PDB file of N, CA and C in Angstrom:
ATOM      1  N   MET A   1      11.340 -14.625  -4.080  1.00  0.00           N
ATOM      2  CA  MET A   1       9.901 -14.669  -4.319  1.00  0.00           C
ATOM      3  C   MET A   1       9.616 -14.120  -5.708  1.00  0.00           C
ATOM      4  N   SER A   2       8.907 -14.877  -6.506  1.00  0.00           N
ATOM      5  CA  SER A   2       8.530 -14.360  -7.814  1.00  0.00           C
ATOM      6  C   SER A   2       7.056 -13.974  -7.781  1.00  0.00           C
ATOM      7  N   VAL A   3       6.748 -12.876  -8.407  1.00  0.00           N
ATOM      8  CA  VAL A   3       5.392 -12.340  -8.419  1.00  0.00           C
ATOM      9  C   VAL A   3       4.784 -12.611  -9.786  1.00  0.00           C
ATOM     10  N   THR A   4       3.593 -13.168  -9.779  1.00  0.00           N
ATOM     11  CA  THR A   4       2.899 -13.468 -11.030  1.00  0.00           C
ATOM     12  C   THR A   4       1.815 -12.421 -11.295  1.00  0.00           C
ATOM     13  N   TYR A   5       1.296 -12.443 -12.486  1.00  0.00           N
ATOM     14  CA  TYR A   5       0.180 -11.566 -12.832  1.00  0.00           C
ATOM     15  C   TYR A   5      -1.002 -11.835 -11.910  1.00  0.00           C
ATOM     16  N   ASP A   6      -1.263 -13.110 -11.628  1.00  0.00           N
ATOM     17  CA  ASP A   6      -2.369 -13.460 -10.735  1.00  0.00           C
ATOM     18  C   ASP A   6      -2.161 -12.895  -9.333  1.00  0.00           C
ATOM     19  N   ASP A   7      -0.910 -12.844  -8.860  1.00  0.00           N
ATOM     20  CA  ASP A   7      -0.615 -12.242  -7.557  1.00  0.00           C
ATOM     21  C   ASP A   7      -1.016 -10.769  -7.553  1.00  0.00           C
ATOM     22  N   ILE A   8      -0.705 -10.095  -8.632  1.00  0.00           N
ATOM     23  CA  ILE A   8      -1.018  -8.664  -8.735  1.00  0.00           C
ATOM     24  C   ILE A   8      -2.530  -8.446  -8.775  1.00  0.00           C
ATOM     25  N   VAL A   9      -3.224  -9.259  -9.550  1.00  0.00           N
ATOM     26  CA  VAL A   9      -4.685  -9.152  -9.629  1.00  0.00           C
ATOM     27  C   VAL A   9      -5.304  -9.430  -8.264  1.00  0.00           C
ATOM     28  N   ASN A  10      -4.820 -10.461  -7.576  1.00  0.00           N
ATOM     29  CA  ASN A  10      -5.331 -10.786  -6.245  1.00  0.00           C
ATOM     30  C   ASN A  10      -5.108  -9.630  -5.271  1.00  0.00           C
ATOM     31  N   ALA A  11      -3.924  -9.032  -5.308  1.00  0.00           N
ATOM     32  CA  ALA A  11      -3.629  -7.902  -4.423  1.00  0.00           C
ATOM     33  C   ALA A  11      -4.578  -6.743  -4.707  1.00  0.00           C
ATOM     34  N   GLN A  12      -4.816  -6.469  -5.972  1.00  0.00           N
ATOM     35  CA  GLN A  12      -5.706  -5.370  -6.341  1.00  0.00           C
ATOM     36  C   GLN A  12      -7.122  -5.641  -5.855  1.00  0.00           C
ATOM     37  N   GLN A  13      -7.556  -6.884  -5.929  1.00  0.00           N
ATOM     38  CA  GLN A  13      -8.920  -7.228  -5.528  1.00  0.00           C
ATOM     39  C   GLN A  13      -9.111  -7.181  -4.018  1.00  0.00           C
ATOM     40  N   THR A  14      -8.034  -7.247  -3.252  1.00  0.00           N
ATOM     41  CA  THR A  14      -8.156  -7.240  -1.791  1.00  0.00           C
ATOM     42  C   THR A  14      -7.992  -5.850  -1.191  1.00  0.00           C
ATOM     43  N   GLN A  15      -7.933  -4.831  -2.027  1.00  0.00           N
ATOM     44  CA  GLN A  15      -7.690  -3.483  -1.531  1.00  0.00           C
ATOM     45  C   GLN A  15      -8.924  -2.819  -0.932  1.00  0.00           C
ATOM     46  N   ASP A  16     -10.058  -3.469  -1.043  1.00  0.00           N
ATOM     47  CA  ASP A  16     -11.295  -2.925  -0.493  1.00  0.00           C
ATOM     48  C   ASP A  16     -11.490  -1.480  -0.943  1.00  0.00           C
ATOM     49  N   ASN A  17     -11.951  -0.662  -0.035  1.00  0.00           N
ATOM     50  CA  ASN A  17     -12.143   0.757  -0.343  1.00  0.00           C
ATOM     51  C   ASN A  17     -11.038   1.603   0.258  1.00  0.00           C
ATOM     52  N   VAL A  18      -9.969   0.958   0.686  1.00  0.00           N
ATOM     53  CA  VAL A  18      -8.876   1.676   1.337  1.00  0.00           C
ATOM     54  C   VAL A  18      -7.953   2.337   0.319  1.00  0.00           C
ATOM     55  N   ILE A  19      -7.610   1.600  -0.719  1.00  0.00           N
ATOM     56  CA  ILE A  19      -6.689   2.112  -1.725  1.00  0.00           C
ATOM     57  C   ILE A  19      -7.488   2.869  -2.780  1.00  0.00           C
ATOM     58  N   ARG A  20      -7.116   4.097  -3.004  1.00  0.00           N
ATOM     59  CA  ARG A  20      -7.811   4.910  -4.006  1.00  0.00           C
ATOM     60  C   ARG A  20      -7.292   4.607  -5.407  1.00  0.00           C
ATOM     61  N   LYS A  21      -8.167   4.681  -6.374  1.00  0.00           N
ATOM     62  CA  LYS A  21      -7.754   4.597  -7.770  1.00  0.00           C
ATOM     63  C   LYS A  21      -7.255   5.988  -8.140  1.00  0.00           C
ATOM     64  N   THR A  22      -5.963   6.102  -8.385  1.00  0.00           N
ATOM     65  CA  THR A  22      -5.360   7.410  -8.621  1.00  0.00           C
ATOM     66  C   THR A  22      -5.313   7.737 -10.120  1.00  0.00           C
ATOM     67  N   SER A  23      -5.254   9.008 -10.410  1.00  0.00           N
ATOM     68  CA  SER A  23      -5.281   9.465 -11.793  1.00  0.00           C
ATOM     69  C   SER A  23      -3.902   9.371 -12.453  1.00  0.00           C
ATOM     70  N   LEU A  24      -3.913   9.518 -13.766  1.00  0.00           N
ATOM     71  CA  LEU A  24      -2.683   9.564 -14.555  1.00  0.00           C
ATOM     72  C   LEU A  24      -2.583  10.936 -15.203  1.00  0.00           C
ATOM     73  N   VAL A  25      -1.360  11.397 -15.388  1.00  0.00           N
ATOM     74  CA  VAL A  25      -1.144  12.654 -16.093  1.00  0.00           C
ATOM     75  C   VAL A  25      -0.073  12.415 -17.169  1.00  0.00           C
ATOM     76  N   PHE A  26      -0.345  12.909 -18.348  1.00  0.00           N
ATOM     77  CA  PHE A  26       0.583  12.749 -19.457  1.00  0.00           C
ATOM     78  C   PHE A  26       1.819  13.608 -19.213  1.00  0.00           C
ATOM     79  N   SER A  27       3.002  13.038 -19.451  1.00  0.00           N
ATOM     80  CA  SER A  27       4.247  13.770 -19.257  1.00  0.00           C
ATOM     81  C   SER A  27       4.894  14.092 -20.600  1.00  0.00           C
ATOM     82  N   ASP A  28       4.825  15.370 -20.984  1.00  0.00           N
ATOM     83  CA  ASP A  28       5.485  15.807 -22.217  1.00  0.00           C
ATOM     84  C   ASP A  28       6.991  15.558 -22.130  1.00  0.00           C
ATOM     85  N   THR A  29       7.590  15.901 -20.994  1.00  0.00           N
ATOM     86  CA  THR A  29       9.041  15.788 -20.820  1.00  0.00           C
ATOM     87  C   THR A  29       9.516  14.358 -21.015  1.00  0.00           C
ATOM     88  N   PHE A  30       8.945  13.406 -20.265  1.00  0.00           N
ATOM     89  CA  PHE A  30       9.396  12.020 -20.367  1.00  0.00           C
ATOM     90  C   PHE A  30       9.015  11.386 -21.701  1.00  0.00           C
ATOM     91  N   THR A  31       7.936  11.845 -22.303  1.00  0.00           N
ATOM     92  CA  THR A  31       7.560  11.371 -23.620  1.00  0.00           C
ATOM     93  C   THR A  31       8.618  11.792 -24.639  1.00  0.00           C
ATOM     94  N   GLN A  32       9.071  13.035 -24.548  1.00  0.00           N
ATOM     95  CA  GLN A  32      10.110  13.512 -25.472  1.00  0.00           C
ATOM     96  C   GLN A  32      11.435  12.790 -25.241  1.00  0.00           C
ATOM     97  N   ILE A  33      11.795  12.586 -23.993  1.00  0.00           N
ATOM     98  CA  ILE A  33      13.072  11.925 -23.666  1.00  0.00           C
ATOM     99  C   ILE A  33      13.078  10.476 -24.157  1.00  0.00           C
ATOM    100  N   THR A  34      11.980   9.754 -23.962  1.00  0.00           N
ATOM    101  CA  THR A  34      11.950   8.325 -24.269  1.00  0.00           C
ATOM    102  C   THR A  34      11.458   7.997 -25.668  1.00  0.00           C
ATOM    103  N   GLY A  35      10.746   8.916 -26.281  1.00  0.00           N
ATOM    104  CA  GLY A  35      10.163   8.621 -27.581  1.00  0.00           C
ATOM    105  C   GLY A  35       8.918   7.750 -27.480  1.00  0.00           C
ATOM    106  N   SER A  36       8.450   7.516 -26.281  1.00  0.00           N
ATOM    107  CA  SER A  36       7.230   6.749 -26.035  1.00  0.00           C
ATOM    108  C   SER A  36       6.270   7.610 -25.224  1.00  0.00           C
ATOM    109  N   LYS A  37       4.989   7.302 -25.318  1.00  0.00           N
ATOM    110  CA  LYS A  37       4.026   8.035 -24.500  1.00  0.00           C
ATOM    111  C   LYS A  37       4.209   7.622 -23.044  1.00  0.00           C
ATOM    112  N   VAL A  38       4.404   8.590 -22.169  1.00  0.00           N
ATOM    113  CA  VAL A  38       4.628   8.315 -20.750  1.00  0.00           C
ATOM    114  C   VAL A  38       3.575   9.046 -19.927  1.00  0.00           C
ATOM    115  N   TYR A  39       2.957   8.288 -19.041  1.00  0.00           N
ATOM    116  CA  TYR A  39       1.991   8.837 -18.102  1.00  0.00           C
ATOM    117  C   TYR A  39       2.522   8.619 -16.697  1.00  0.00           C
ATOM    118  N   LEU A  40       2.300   9.576 -15.826  1.00  0.00           N
ATOM    119  CA  LEU A  40       2.717   9.475 -14.431  1.00  0.00           C
ATOM    120  C   LEU A  40       1.485   9.206 -13.567  1.00  0.00           C
ATOM    121  N   LYS A  41       1.624   8.259 -12.656  1.00  0.00           N
ATOM    122  CA  LYS A  41       0.528   7.897 -11.763  1.00  0.00           C
ATOM    123  C   LYS A  41       0.609   8.774 -10.521  1.00  0.00           C
ATOM    124  N   ASN A  42      -0.449   9.459 -10.207  1.00  0.00           N
ATOM    125  CA  ASN A  42      -0.480  10.425  -9.104  1.00  0.00           C
ATOM    126  C   ASN A  42      -0.746   9.742  -7.761  1.00  0.00           C
ATOM    127  N   GLU A  43       0.249   9.035  -7.266  1.00  0.00           N
ATOM    128  CA  GLU A  43       0.076   8.309  -6.011  1.00  0.00           C
ATOM    129  C   GLU A  43      -0.018   9.241  -4.803  1.00  0.00           C
ATOM    130  N   PHE A  44       0.306  10.512  -4.981  1.00  0.00           N
ATOM    131  CA  PHE A  44       0.120  11.460  -3.887  1.00  0.00           C
ATOM    132  C   PHE A  44      -1.352  11.627  -3.549  1.00  0.00           C
ATOM    133  N   GLU A  45      -2.233  11.109  -4.389  1.00  0.00           N
ATOM    134  CA  GLU A  45      -3.670  11.157  -4.123  1.00  0.00           C
ATOM    135  C   GLU A  45      -4.115  10.089  -3.116  1.00  0.00           C
ATOM    136  N   GLN A  46      -3.221   9.153  -2.760  1.00  0.00           N
ATOM    137  CA  GLN A  46      -3.556   8.152  -1.748  1.00  0.00           C
ATOM    138  C   GLN A  46      -3.790   8.843  -0.406  1.00  0.00           C
ATOM    139  N   LYS A  47      -4.474   8.175   0.490  1.00  0.00           N
ATOM    140  CA  LYS A  47      -4.792   8.755   1.794  1.00  0.00           C
ATOM    141  C   LYS A  47      -3.546   9.111   2.593  1.00  0.00           C
ATOM    142  N   THR A  48      -2.444   8.413   2.329  1.00  0.00           N
ATOM    143  CA  THR A  48      -1.191   8.709   3.033  1.00  0.00           C
ATOM    144  C   THR A  48      -0.231   9.520   2.174  1.00  0.00           C
ATOM    145  N   GLY A  49      -0.610   9.850   0.957  1.00  0.00           N
ATOM    146  CA  GLY A  49       0.230  10.647   0.075  1.00  0.00           C
ATOM    147  C   GLY A  49       1.326   9.875  -0.627  1.00  0.00           C
ATOM    148  N   SER A  50       1.253   8.544  -0.617  1.00  0.00           N
ATOM    149  CA  SER A  50       2.332   7.741  -1.178  1.00  0.00           C
ATOM    150  C   SER A  50       1.823   6.378  -1.621  1.00  0.00           C
ATOM    151  N   PHE A  51       2.541   5.780  -2.573  1.00  0.00           N
ATOM    152  CA  PHE A  51       2.199   4.428  -3.026  1.00  0.00           C
ATOM    153  C   PHE A  51       2.497   3.368  -1.980  1.00  0.00           C
ATOM    154  N   LYS A  52       3.260   3.690  -0.955  1.00  0.00           N
ATOM    155  CA  LYS A  52       3.666   2.714   0.054  1.00  0.00           C
ATOM    156  C   LYS A  52       2.472   2.073   0.756  1.00  0.00           C
ATOM    157  N   LEU A  53       1.351   2.751   0.781  1.00  0.00           N
ATOM    158  CA  LEU A  53       0.147   2.208   1.398  1.00  0.00           C
ATOM    159  C   LEU A  53      -0.293   0.916   0.713  1.00  0.00           C
ATOM    160  N   ARG A  54      -0.107   0.819  -0.583  1.00  0.00           N
ATOM    161  CA  ARG A  54      -0.551  -0.367  -1.334  1.00  0.00           C
ATOM    162  C   ARG A  54       0.090  -1.639  -0.785  1.00  0.00           C
ATOM    163  N   GLY A  55       1.392  -1.662  -0.704  1.00  0.00           N
ATOM    164  CA  GLY A  55       2.097  -2.852  -0.230  1.00  0.00           C
ATOM    165  C   GLY A  55       1.866  -3.125   1.241  1.00  0.00           C
ATOM    166  N   ALA A  56       1.873  -2.067   2.043  1.00  0.00           N
ATOM    167  CA  ALA A  56       1.679  -2.233   3.484  1.00  0.00           C
ATOM    168  C   ALA A  56       0.294  -2.805   3.775  1.00  0.00           C
ATOM    169  N   TYR A  57      -0.708  -2.278   3.121  1.00  0.00           N
ATOM    170  CA  TYR A  57      -2.073  -2.748   3.359  1.00  0.00           C
ATOM    171  C   TYR A  57      -2.226  -4.211   2.945  1.00  0.00           C
ATOM    172  N   TYR A  58      -1.695  -4.551   1.778  1.00  0.00           N
ATOM    173  CA  TYR A  58      -1.819  -5.929   1.296  1.00  0.00           C
ATOM    174  C   TYR A  58      -1.104  -6.906   2.227  1.00  0.00           C
ATOM    175  N   LYS A  59       0.098  -6.557   2.634  1.00  0.00           N
ATOM    176  CA  LYS A  59       0.862  -7.439   3.518  1.00  0.00           C
ATOM    177  C   LYS A  59       0.132  -7.645   4.847  1.00  0.00           C
ATOM    178  N   ILE A  60      -0.310  -6.565   5.441  1.00  0.00           N
ATOM    179  CA  ILE A  60      -0.986  -6.654   6.738  1.00  0.00           C
ATOM    180  C   ILE A  60      -2.295  -7.436   6.610  1.00  0.00           C
ATOM    181  N   LYS A  61      -3.015  -7.199   5.542  1.00  0.00           N
ATOM    182  CA  LYS A  61      -4.290  -7.887   5.349  1.00  0.00           C
ATOM    183  C   LYS A  61      -4.102  -9.390   5.161  1.00  0.00           C
ATOM    184  N   THR A  62      -2.981  -9.803   4.594  1.00  0.00           N
ATOM    185  CA  THR A  62      -2.777 -11.218   4.280  1.00  0.00           C
ATOM    186  C   THR A  62      -1.924 -11.952   5.313  1.00  0.00           C
ATOM    187  N   LEU A  63      -1.651 -11.330   6.458  1.00  0.00           N
ATOM    188  CA  LEU A  63      -0.899 -12.020   7.503  1.00  0.00           C
ATOM    189  C   LEU A  63      -1.701 -13.210   8.037  1.00  0.00           C
ATOM    190  N   SER A  64      -0.998 -14.265   8.381  1.00  0.00           N
ATOM    191  CA  SER A  64      -1.651 -15.419   9.010  1.00  0.00           C
ATOM    192  C   SER A  64      -1.998 -15.065  10.459  1.00  0.00           C
ATOM    193  N   GLU A  65      -2.826 -15.878  11.071  1.00  0.00           N
ATOM    194  CA  GLU A  65      -3.183 -15.649  12.470  1.00  0.00           C
ATOM    195  C   GLU A  65      -1.943 -15.689  13.352  1.00  0.00           C
ATOM    196  N   GLU A  66      -1.048 -16.619  13.072  1.00  0.00           N
ATOM    197  CA  GLU A  66       0.194 -16.729  13.841  1.00  0.00           C
ATOM    198  C   GLU A  66       1.037 -15.456  13.685  1.00  0.00           C
ATOM    199  N   GLU A  67       1.150 -14.949  12.468  1.00  0.00           N
ATOM    200  CA  GLU A  67       1.901 -13.714  12.234  1.00  0.00           C
ATOM    201  C   GLU A  67       1.248 -12.533  12.946  1.00  0.00           C
ATOM    202  N   ARG A  68      -0.063 -12.486  12.962  1.00  0.00           N
ATOM    203  CA  ARG A  68      -0.774 -11.402  13.637  1.00  0.00           C
ATOM    204  C   ARG A  68      -0.495 -11.391  15.127  1.00  0.00           C
ATOM    205  N   LYS A  69      -0.365 -12.572  15.705  1.00  0.00           N
ATOM    206  CA  LYS A  69      -0.078 -12.663  17.136  1.00  0.00           C
ATOM    207  C   LYS A  69       1.270 -12.031  17.481  1.00  0.00           C
ATOM    208  N   ASN A  70       2.190 -12.047  16.533  1.00  0.00           N
ATOM    209  CA  ASN A  70       3.518 -11.464  16.763  1.00  0.00           C
ATOM    210  C   ASN A  70       3.529  -9.950  16.673  1.00  0.00           C
ATOM    211  N   GLY A  71       2.499  -9.358  16.087  1.00  0.00           N
ATOM    212  CA  GLY A  71       2.421  -7.903  15.971  1.00  0.00           C
ATOM    213  C   GLY A  71       3.161  -7.374  14.760  1.00  0.00           C
ATOM    214  N   ILE A  72       3.193  -6.061  14.652  1.00  0.00           N
ATOM    215  CA  ILE A  72       3.798  -5.390  13.500  1.00  0.00           C
ATOM    216  C   ILE A  72       4.716  -4.289  13.988  1.00  0.00           C
ATOM    217  N   VAL A  73       5.882  -4.201  13.358  1.00  0.00           N
ATOM    218  CA  VAL A  73       6.822  -3.124  13.649  1.00  0.00           C
ATOM    219  C   VAL A  73       7.181  -2.460  12.324  1.00  0.00           C
ATOM    220  N   ALA A  74       7.118  -1.157  12.288  1.00  0.00           N
ATOM    221  CA  ALA A  74       7.544  -0.401  11.106  1.00  0.00           C
ATOM    222  C   ALA A  74       8.801   0.358  11.478  1.00  0.00           C
ATOM    223  N   ALA A  75       9.926  -0.011  10.880  1.00  0.00           N
ATOM    224  CA  ALA A  75      11.197   0.646  11.170  1.00  0.00           C
ATOM    225  C   ALA A  75      11.422   1.754  10.142  1.00  0.00           C
ATOM    226  N   SER A  76      10.589   2.755  10.207  1.00  0.00           N
ATOM    227  CA  SER A  76      10.637   3.862   9.265  1.00  0.00           C
ATOM    228  C   SER A  76       9.929   5.056   9.899  1.00  0.00           C
ATOM    229  N   ALA A  77      10.348   6.219   9.520  1.00  0.00           N
ATOM    230  CA  ALA A  77       9.653   7.422   9.978  1.00  0.00           C
ATOM    231  C   ALA A  77       9.037   8.147   8.784  1.00  0.00           C
ATOM    232  N   GLY A  78       9.049   7.471   7.629  1.00  0.00           N
ATOM    233  CA  GLY A  78       8.586   8.119   6.403  1.00  0.00           C
ATOM    234  C   GLY A  78       7.321   7.506   5.843  1.00  0.00           C
ATOM    235  N   ASN A  79       7.259   7.464   4.503  1.00  0.00           N
ATOM    236  CA  ASN A  79       6.067   7.010   3.805  1.00  0.00           C
ATOM    237  C   ASN A  79       5.689   5.571   4.140  1.00  0.00           C
ATOM    238  N   HIS A  80       6.697   4.704   4.294  1.00  0.00           N
ATOM    239  CA  HIS A  80       6.389   3.302   4.606  1.00  0.00           C
ATOM    240  C   HIS A  80       5.699   3.200   5.968  1.00  0.00           C
ATOM    241  N   ALA A  81       6.242   3.875   6.959  1.00  0.00           N
ATOM    242  CA  ALA A  81       5.640   3.832   8.299  1.00  0.00           C
ATOM    243  C   ALA A  81       4.230   4.401   8.280  1.00  0.00           C
ATOM    244  N   GLN A  82       4.012   5.450   7.517  1.00  0.00           N
ATOM    245  CA  GLN A  82       2.663   6.011   7.413  1.00  0.00           C
ATOM    246  C   GLN A  82       1.706   5.004   6.786  1.00  0.00           C
ATOM    247  N   GLY A  83       2.185   4.292   5.760  1.00  0.00           N
ATOM    248  CA  GLY A  83       1.356   3.272   5.124  1.00  0.00           C
ATOM    249  C   GLY A  83       1.026   2.144   6.080  1.00  0.00           C
ATOM    250  N   VAL A  84       2.021   1.681   6.839  1.00  0.00           N
ATOM    251  CA  VAL A  84       1.808   0.608   7.813  1.00  0.00           C
ATOM    252  C   VAL A  84       0.827   1.066   8.894  1.00  0.00           C
ATOM    253  N   ALA A  85       1.055   2.242   9.439  1.00  0.00           N
ATOM    254  CA  ALA A  85       0.183   2.749  10.503  1.00  0.00           C
ATOM    255  C   ALA A  85      -1.246   2.914  10.007  1.00  0.00           C
ATOM    256  N   PHE A  86      -1.404   3.474   8.843  1.00  0.00           N
ATOM    257  CA  PHE A  86      -2.748   3.662   8.288  1.00  0.00           C
ATOM    258  C   PHE A  86      -3.416   2.319   8.037  1.00  0.00           C
ATOM    259  N   ALA A  87      -2.670   1.372   7.454  1.00  0.00           N
ATOM    260  CA  ALA A  87      -3.224   0.058   7.162  1.00  0.00           C
ATOM    261  C   ALA A  87      -3.647  -0.653   8.442  1.00  0.00           C
ATOM    262  N   CYS A  88      -2.818  -0.566   9.465  1.00  0.00           N
ATOM    263  CA  CYS A  88      -3.168  -1.185  10.743  1.00  0.00           C
ATOM    264  C   CYS A  88      -4.436  -0.563  11.304  1.00  0.00           C
ATOM    265  N   ASN A  89      -4.499   0.732  11.290  1.00  0.00           N
ATOM    266  CA  ASN A  89      -5.668   1.426  11.833  1.00  0.00           C
ATOM    267  C   ASN A  89      -6.920   1.101  11.032  1.00  0.00           C
ATOM    268  N   GLU A  90      -6.789   1.093   9.729  1.00  0.00           N
ATOM    269  CA  GLU A  90      -7.930   0.880   8.851  1.00  0.00           C
ATOM    270  C   GLU A  90      -8.411  -0.573   8.877  1.00  0.00           C
ATOM    271  N   ARG A  91      -7.483  -1.491   8.851  1.00  0.00           N
ATOM    272  CA  ARG A  91      -7.833  -2.894   8.665  1.00  0.00           C
ATOM    273  C   ARG A  91      -7.829  -3.706   9.957  1.00  0.00           C
ATOM    274  N   ILE A  92      -6.804  -3.550  10.729  1.00  0.00           N
ATOM    275  CA  ILE A  92      -6.577  -4.470  11.829  1.00  0.00           C
ATOM    276  C   ILE A  92      -7.233  -4.021  13.117  1.00  0.00           C
ATOM    277  N   TRP A  93      -6.989  -2.791  13.523  1.00  0.00           N
ATOM    278  CA  TRP A  93      -7.523  -2.359  14.819  1.00  0.00           C
ATOM    279  C   TRP A  93      -9.040  -2.420  14.823  1.00  0.00           C
ATOM    280  N   ARG A  94      -9.636  -2.159  13.697  1.00  0.00           N
ATOM    281  CA  ARG A  94     -11.099  -2.155  13.633  1.00  0.00           C
ATOM    282  C   ARG A  94     -11.702  -3.521  13.931  1.00  0.00           C
ATOM    283  N   ASN A  95     -11.041  -4.586  13.496  1.00  0.00           N
ATOM    284  CA  ASN A  95     -11.635  -5.895  13.743  1.00  0.00           C
ATOM    285  C   ASN A  95     -11.028  -6.589  14.956  1.00  0.00           C
ATOM    286  N   GLY A  96     -10.169  -5.904  15.697  1.00  0.00           N
ATOM    287  CA  GLY A  96      -9.651  -6.415  16.955  1.00  0.00           C
ATOM    288  C   GLY A  96      -8.614  -7.508  16.836  1.00  0.00           C
ATOM    289  N   SER A  97      -7.971  -7.638  15.668  1.00  0.00           N
ATOM    290  CA  SER A  97      -6.981  -8.694  15.495  1.00  0.00           C
ATOM    291  C   SER A  97      -5.692  -8.429  16.260  1.00  0.00           C
ATOM    292  N   PHE A  98      -5.388  -7.195  16.528  1.00  0.00           N
ATOM    293  CA  PHE A  98      -4.171  -6.843  17.250  1.00  0.00           C
ATOM    294  C   PHE A  98      -4.526  -6.002  18.467  1.00  0.00           C
ATOM    295  N   ARG A  99      -3.670  -6.053  19.451  1.00  0.00           N
ATOM    296  CA  ARG A  99      -3.786  -5.127  20.588  1.00  0.00           C
ATOM    297  C   ARG A  99      -2.773  -4.022  20.340  1.00  0.00           C
ATOM    298  N   ARG A 100      -3.159  -2.806  20.620  1.00  0.00           N
ATOM    299  CA  ARG A 100      -2.234  -1.692  20.469  1.00  0.00           C
ATOM    300  C   ARG A 100      -1.237  -1.708  21.616  1.00  0.00           C
ATOM    301  N   LYS A 101       0.008  -1.452  21.273  1.00  0.00           N
ATOM    302  CA  LYS A 101       1.046  -1.344  22.282  1.00  0.00           C
ATOM    303  C   LYS A 101       1.865  -0.105  21.990  1.00  0.00           C
ATOM    304  N   LYS A 102       2.135   0.621  23.000  1.00  0.00           N
ATOM    305  CA  LYS A 102       2.963   1.814  22.850  1.00  0.00           C
ATOM    306  C   LYS A 102       4.361   1.470  23.346  1.00  0.00           C
ATOM    307  N   LEU A 103       5.353   1.714  22.540  1.00  0.00           N
ATOM    308  CA  LEU A 103       6.734   1.412  22.910  1.00  0.00           C
ATOM    309  C   LEU A 103       7.454   2.650  23.346  1.00  0.00           C
TER     310      LEU A 103
END
């Protein structure tokens, strides 16, 4: 799968109010090491504390009806699973597209 600039713009536009616009902080250390100005994006400011929410939310939001019928499984106990769970709760459960199942 190749990702285009338009794909990235589309993903950003579909983030609604779920994905926070996070701040940048200038890094003296990495700027000195690379010889270029380096800024770090503070993704810990996301609601789940990680950038993983961005991809999980976009994927879940763009599932087809057929894919939604199959449900979602997150095989992770870390940041990815938190992003998936949050995205499902925020986007999907609210509009009734999925039924919750406890395994």
